[in-house]
Amino acid sequence: MLLLLILAVCVKNKVWKKKLFQLVVASFLIFSNPFLIHQLNLQWQSPYKPLTRNENFETGIVLAGFISFDTQNGNAYFGSASDRFIQALRLYKTGHIKKIMITGGSGSLFHPEFKEADYVKDILLQMRVPATDIITENQSRNTFENAIFSKRIIDSMQLPGPYVLITSAMHMKRAEAVFKKAGYRVRPFPCNYYDLPHGQSFLDAVIPSAGAIDAWEKLIREWAGYCVYRISGKA
């Protein structure tokens, strides 16, 4: 939208200027509409699938991406996707999984020493989860590497499947496709729902929202990631 606005301001041809301004307005109305992005998010998110009492598994695989590192002082903080951690710990404490595997290294090019899986392991140890029940994979930088690098460890440890795959509901379609392509048998356990079904008043549905624009960025990133993995044969 910003690029279109700049073009509309800079172009000298009156006909094109008018068309570009109309396109800017239309784009703003679409991408700032709360109702539209709410419905699209609900369609894209994987539906909640609670484990039944008799569903018990050897290993739950938790995809990292919920820790932020403060490189200035070395501290780390749980982020908006930390429900992945909470649900994994809950499944472990309730006996649905016997082991927790955290997969995820550093997403920073400048500070590769901050390994998310290692930090999460330290937190689990503080919460009295035995070290023998924690498995870490700390080299992966994306979903595809999560699957490939984790499988090497799982195969070497001869951990039987299927595995509970724990990640955000918005990310689950891409993650499940990648893990299945890599040869896993998985039981999806989506969490960290960005949008939930709820009624919207007429004003809530039509008044432009900056939050809607931000939500589009998240959804488009998932669409793009899924398409790239499908085209490249990784999913």
Protein backbone atom coordinates (compact mmCIF):
# COMPACT_ATOMS: atom_id res chain seq x y z
CA MET A 1 0.00 0.00 0.00
CA LEU A 2 2.81 2.40 0.85
CA LEU A 3 4.45 1.79 -2.52
CA LEU A 4 1.16 2.44 -4.30
CA LEU A 5 0.68 5.65 -2.34
CA ILE A 6 4.18 6.86 -3.25
CA LEU A 7 3.52 6.07 -6.91
CA ALA A 8 0.19 7.88 -6.78
CA VAL A 9 1.86 10.97 -5.35
CA CYS A 10 4.80 10.93 -7.76
CA VAL A 11 3.11 10.05 -11.05
CA LYS A 12 2.24 13.07 -13.19
CA ASN A 13 -0.34 11.55 -15.52
CA LYS A 14 -3.74 12.54 -14.09
CA VAL A 15 -5.51 9.39 -15.29
CA TRP A 16 -2.93 7.09 -13.73
CA LYS A 17 -2.80 9.22 -10.59
CA LYS A 18 -6.55 8.82 -10.12
CA LYS A 19 -6.41 5.07 -10.74
CA LEU A 20 -3.53 4.62 -8.32
CA PHE A 21 -5.31 6.58 -5.58
CA GLN A 22 -8.42 4.46 -6.12
CA LEU A 23 -6.26 1.34 -5.81
CA VAL A 24 -4.72 2.68 -2.59
CA VAL A 25 -8.16 3.27 -1.09
CA ALA A 26 -9.42 -0.17 -2.17
CA SER A 27 -6.31 -1.87 -0.78
CA PHE A 28 -6.68 -0.03 2.52
CA LEU A 29 -10.34 -1.03 2.87
CA ILE A 30 -9.52 -4.69 2.16
CA PHE A 31 -6.41 -5.10 4.31
CA SER A 32 -7.74 -3.09 7.26
CA ASN A 33 -11.08 -4.91 7.41
CA PRO A 34 -11.28 -6.95 10.66
CA PHE A 35 -14.08 -9.23 9.47
CA LEU A 36 -12.27 -10.42 6.35
CA ILE A 37 -8.95 -11.27 8.01
CA HIS A 38 -10.80 -12.88 10.94
CA GLN A 39 -12.61 -15.27 8.59
CA LEU A 40 -9.45 -16.06 6.61
CA ASN A 41 -7.51 -16.80 9.80
CA LEU A 42 -10.24 -19.15 11.01
CA GLN A 43 -10.11 -21.02 7.70
CA TRP A 44 -6.32 -21.32 7.69
CA GLN A 45 -5.77 -22.30 11.32
CA SER A 46 -5.77 -26.03 12.02
CA PRO A 47 -8.75 -27.03 14.18
CA TYR A 48 -8.14 -27.85 17.83
CA LYS A 49 -7.69 -31.58 18.40
CA PRO A 50 -7.43 -32.42 22.12
CA LEU A 51 -5.84 -35.73 23.01
CA THR A 52 -8.25 -38.29 24.37
CA ARG A 53 -7.60 -40.11 27.63
CA ASN A 54 -6.23 -43.15 25.80
CA GLU A 55 -3.93 -41.24 23.44
CA ASN A 56 -0.41 -41.63 24.79
CA PHE A 57 2.82 -41.16 22.86
CA GLU A 58 6.53 -41.61 23.38
CA THR A 59 7.57 -38.16 22.16
CA GLY A 60 6.12 -34.71 21.63
CA ILE A 61 8.01 -32.49 19.18
CA VAL A 62 7.80 -28.79 20.01
CA LEU A 63 8.75 -26.32 17.28
CA ALA A 64 10.69 -23.39 18.68
CA GLY A 65 10.01 -19.79 17.75
CA PHE A 66 8.61 -18.54 21.04
CA ILE A 67 11.76 -17.19 22.71
CA SER A 68 13.29 -13.76 22.14
CA PHE A 69 16.90 -13.08 23.14
CA ASP A 70 18.15 -9.74 24.39
CA THR A 71 21.64 -9.75 22.92
CA GLN A 72 22.66 -6.71 24.98
CA ASN A 73 22.41 -8.38 28.38
CA GLY A 74 22.02 -12.04 27.48
CA ASN A 75 18.48 -12.39 28.83
CA ALA A 76 15.72 -14.33 27.10
CA TYR A 77 11.97 -13.87 27.18
CA PHE A 78 8.92 -15.92 26.26
CA GLY A 79 7.06 -14.45 23.30
CA SER A 80 3.55 -14.54 21.88
CA ALA A 81 3.84 -18.16 20.72
CA SER A 82 4.80 -19.50 24.17
CA ASP A 83 1.59 -21.55 24.30
CA ARG A 84 3.66 -24.14 22.41
CA PHE A 85 5.82 -24.53 25.52
CA ILE A 86 2.85 -24.52 27.89
CA GLN A 87 0.93 -27.18 25.96
CA ALA A 88 3.99 -29.41 25.60
CA LEU A 89 4.63 -29.26 29.34
CA ARG A 90 0.95 -29.92 30.05
CA LEU A 91 0.92 -32.99 27.80
CA TYR A 92 4.03 -34.24 29.57
CA LYS A 93 2.67 -33.63 33.06
CA THR A 94 -0.63 -35.34 32.21
CA GLY A 95 1.15 -38.40 30.83
CA HIS A 96 0.20 -38.01 27.18
CA ILE A 97 3.86 -37.80 26.14
CA LYS A 98 6.87 -39.37 27.83
CA LYS A 99 9.53 -37.14 26.31
CA ILE A 100 9.69 -33.55 25.13
CA MET A 101 11.79 -32.75 22.07
CA ILE A 102 12.53 -29.09 21.41
CA THR A 103 13.70 -28.30 17.90
CA GLY A 104 15.12 -24.90 17.02
CA GLY A 105 18.48 -23.17 17.02
CA SER A 106 19.24 -19.52 16.41
CA GLY A 107 17.36 -17.36 13.96
CA SER A 108 19.99 -14.64 14.18
CA LEU A 109 22.81 -14.29 11.68
CA PHE A 110 24.79 -12.09 14.05
CA HIS A 111 24.27 -14.04 17.29
CA PRO A 112 24.23 -17.75 16.41
CA GLU A 113 25.37 -18.57 19.95
CA PHE A 114 21.83 -18.10 21.30
CA LYS A 115 20.23 -21.53 20.88
CA GLU A 116 16.53 -21.59 21.66
CA ALA A 117 16.32 -25.33 22.28
CA ASP A 118 19.10 -25.12 24.88
CA TYR A 119 17.38 -22.27 26.70
CA VAL A 120 14.05 -24.10 26.77
CA LYS A 121 15.79 -27.20 28.12
CA ASP A 122 17.16 -25.15 31.02
CA ILE A 123 13.65 -23.90 31.80
CA LEU A 124 12.25 -27.45 31.72
CA LEU A 125 14.98 -28.61 34.08
CA GLN A 126 14.07 -25.79 36.47
CA MET A 127 10.48 -27.07 36.33
CA ARG A 128 11.73 -30.48 37.46
CA VAL A 129 11.43 -32.30 34.16
CA PRO A 130 14.17 -34.99 34.23
CA ALA A 131 17.02 -34.48 31.78
CA THR A 132 16.40 -37.99 30.46
CA ASP A 133 12.96 -36.85 29.25
CA ILE A 134 14.26 -33.81 27.33
CA ILE A 135 15.68 -34.01 23.81
CA THR A 136 17.12 -30.99 22.03
CA GLU A 137 17.91 -30.18 18.43
CA ASN A 138 19.64 -26.80 18.39
CA GLN A 139 20.89 -26.32 14.81
CA SER A 140 17.73 -25.80 12.74
CA ARG A 141 16.73 -22.36 11.47
CA ASN A 142 13.40 -23.08 9.77
CA THR A 143 10.57 -25.60 9.62
CA PHE A 144 12.23 -27.78 7.01
CA GLU A 145 15.42 -28.04 9.06
CA ASN A 146 13.30 -28.70 12.17
CA ALA A 147 12.01 -31.84 10.50
CA ILE A 148 15.25 -33.04 8.89
CA PHE A 149 17.58 -32.45 11.83
CA SER A 150 15.12 -33.80 14.40
CA LYS A 151 14.61 -37.00 12.42
CA ARG A 152 18.32 -37.78 12.57
CA ILE A 153 18.19 -37.61 16.36
CA ILE A 154 14.93 -39.53 16.63
CA ASP A 155 16.18 -42.28 14.33
CA SER A 156 19.49 -42.55 16.20
CA MET A 157 17.61 -42.89 19.51
CA GLN A 158 15.11 -45.31 17.93
CA LEU A 159 12.16 -43.43 19.39
CA PRO A 160 8.93 -45.02 18.15
CA GLY A 161 6.24 -42.99 16.42
CA PRO A 162 3.79 -41.56 15.90
CA TYR A 163 4.91 -38.25 17.39
CA VAL A 164 2.81 -35.40 18.75
CA LEU A 165 3.62 -32.33 16.66
CA ILE A 166 3.16 -29.17 18.73
CA THR A 167 3.14 -25.77 17.06
CA SER A 168 0.93 -22.74 16.50
CA ALA A 169 -2.39 -23.30 14.74
CA MET A 170 -1.43 -20.81 12.02
CA HIS A 171 1.80 -22.73 11.38
CA MET A 172 0.45 -26.28 11.66
CA LYS A 173 -0.55 -26.87 8.02
CA ARG A 174 2.94 -26.05 6.81
CA ALA A 175 4.67 -27.90 9.65
CA GLU A 176 2.54 -31.04 9.31
CA ALA A 177 3.12 -31.19 5.54
CA VAL A 178 6.89 -30.81 5.98
CA PHE A 179 7.16 -33.42 8.73
CA LYS A 180 5.06 -35.95 6.83
CA LYS A 181 7.18 -35.38 3.72
CA ALA A 182 10.27 -36.07 5.85
CA GLY A 183 8.87 -39.46 6.82
CA TYR A 184 7.24 -38.83 10.19
CA ARG A 185 3.97 -40.22 11.42
CA VAL A 186 2.56 -37.31 13.40
CA ARG A 187 -0.44 -36.52 15.53
CA PRO A 188 -0.98 -32.75 15.12
CA PHE A 189 -1.60 -30.77 18.28
CA PRO A 190 -2.20 -27.15 17.24
CA CYS A 191 -2.14 -24.44 19.88
CA ASN A 192 -1.51 -20.69 20.22
CA TYR A 193 -4.62 -19.69 18.28
CA TYR A 194 -4.34 -16.24 16.74
CA ASP A 195 -8.08 -15.98 16.09
CA LEU A 196 -11.02 -17.72 17.76
CA PRO A 197 -14.64 -17.99 16.58
CA HIS A 198 -16.67 -15.16 18.05
CA GLY A 199 -19.42 -12.84 17.02
CA GLN A 200 -18.60 -9.37 15.72
CA SER A 201 -20.83 -6.35 15.89
CA PHE A 202 -21.43 -4.46 12.67
CA LEU A 203 -19.08 -1.68 13.72
CA ASP A 204 -16.35 -4.12 14.78
CA ALA A 205 -16.62 -5.80 11.39
CA VAL A 206 -16.40 -2.70 9.22
CA ILE A 207 -14.29 -0.11 11.07
CA PRO A 208 -10.71 -0.23 9.72
CA SER A 209 -8.18 -1.69 12.14
CA ALA A 210 -4.39 -1.45 12.25
CA GLY A 211 -4.42 -4.89 13.88
CA ALA A 212 -6.03 -6.32 10.75
CA ILE A 213 -3.14 -5.06 8.63
CA ASP A 214 -0.66 -6.70 11.00
CA ALA A 215 -2.64 -9.96 10.89
CA TRP A 216 -2.43 -9.97 7.09
CA GLU A 217 1.38 -9.95 7.33
CA LYS A 218 1.32 -13.11 9.47
CA LEU A 219 -1.15 -14.90 7.21
CA ILE A 220 0.64 -13.98 3.98
CA ARG A 221 3.92 -15.22 5.47
CA GLU A 222 2.31 -18.60 6.19
CA TRP A 223 0.73 -18.80 2.74
CA ALA A 224 4.05 -17.95 1.10
CA GLY A 225 6.01 -20.41 3.23
CA TYR A 226 3.55 -23.21 2.51
CA CYS A 227 3.60 -22.54 -1.24
CA VAL A 228 7.40 -22.35 -1.40
CA TYR A 229 7.75 -25.66 0.43
CA ARG A 230 5.17 -27.32 -1.82
CA ILE A 231 6.81 -26.05 -5.01
CA SER A 232 10.29 -27.05 -3.83
CA GLY A 233 9.12 -30.54 -2.84
CA LYS A 234 9.75 -30.05 0.87
CA ALA A 235 6.09 -30.44 1.80
